[in-house]
Protein backbone atom coordinates (compact mmCIF):
# COMPACT_ATOMS: atom_id res chain seq x y z
CA UNK A 1 203.09 157.08 48.64
CA UNK A 2 199.71 155.38 48.23
CA UNK A 3 198.73 152.09 49.80
CA UNK A 4 198.75 149.03 47.52
CA UNK A 5 196.82 145.75 47.57
CA UNK A 6 198.76 142.52 47.03
CA UNK A 7 197.71 139.36 45.21
CA UNK A 8 196.59 137.94 48.57
CA UNK A 9 193.36 139.98 48.22
CA UNK A 10 190.24 137.81 48.41
CA UNK A 11 187.90 140.61 47.24
CA UNK A 12 185.84 140.47 50.43
CA UNK A 13 184.82 144.14 50.19
CA UNK A 14 185.75 145.11 53.74
CA UNK A 15 188.08 147.88 52.64
CA UNK A 16 185.65 149.53 50.20
CA UNK A 17 183.40 150.96 52.91
CA UNK A 18 186.36 152.15 54.99
CA UNK A 19 187.97 154.35 52.34
CA UNK A 20 186.88 157.95 52.94
CA UNK A 21 187.89 159.08 49.43
CA UNK A 22 186.56 156.08 47.47
CA UNK A 23 190.02 155.26 46.08
CA UNK A 24 189.47 151.48 46.01
CA UNK A 25 188.14 149.75 42.90
CA UNK A 26 186.51 146.33 42.86
CA UNK A 27 187.78 143.41 40.80
CA UNK A 28 189.06 139.88 41.26
CA UNK A 29 191.82 141.65 43.17
CA UNK A 30 190.94 145.13 44.38
CA UNK A 31 193.11 148.09 43.48
CA UNK A 32 193.81 151.49 44.98
CA UNK A 33 193.98 154.62 42.85
CA UNK A 34 197.30 156.19 43.87
CA UNK A 35 196.14 159.67 42.84
CA UNK A 36 193.11 159.50 45.16
CA UNK A 37 194.65 157.65 48.14
CA UNK A 38 195.33 159.96 51.10
CA UNK A 39 197.41 157.34 52.95
CA UNK A 40 195.04 157.35 55.93
CA UNK A 41 195.46 153.60 56.51
CA UNK A 42 191.78 152.89 57.16
CA UNK A 43 191.70 150.16 54.54
CA UNK A 44 194.80 148.41 55.88
CA UNK A 45 193.44 148.46 59.42
CA UNK A 46 190.34 146.44 58.49
CA UNK A 47 191.78 144.04 55.90
CA UNK A 48 191.28 140.46 57.15
CA UNK A 49 194.09 139.07 54.95
CA UNK A 50 196.51 141.92 55.75
CA UNK A 51 197.18 142.40 52.04
CA UNK A 52 197.06 146.21 52.07
CA UNK A 53 200.28 148.04 52.85
CA UNK A 54 202.54 150.89 51.88
CA UNK A 55 205.01 149.90 49.14
């Protein structure tokens, strides 16, 4: 199951550089492509608002 980003996202960009497979898309709230996500957890580990988690 791929990680998801909640509405608490502040679009700071911290997670973008951490994703090794470039599964995160920018927007007012970022999103993670579930088909590309490898569930490594790198994005969740660096998120300052702790809005990235497994569903």
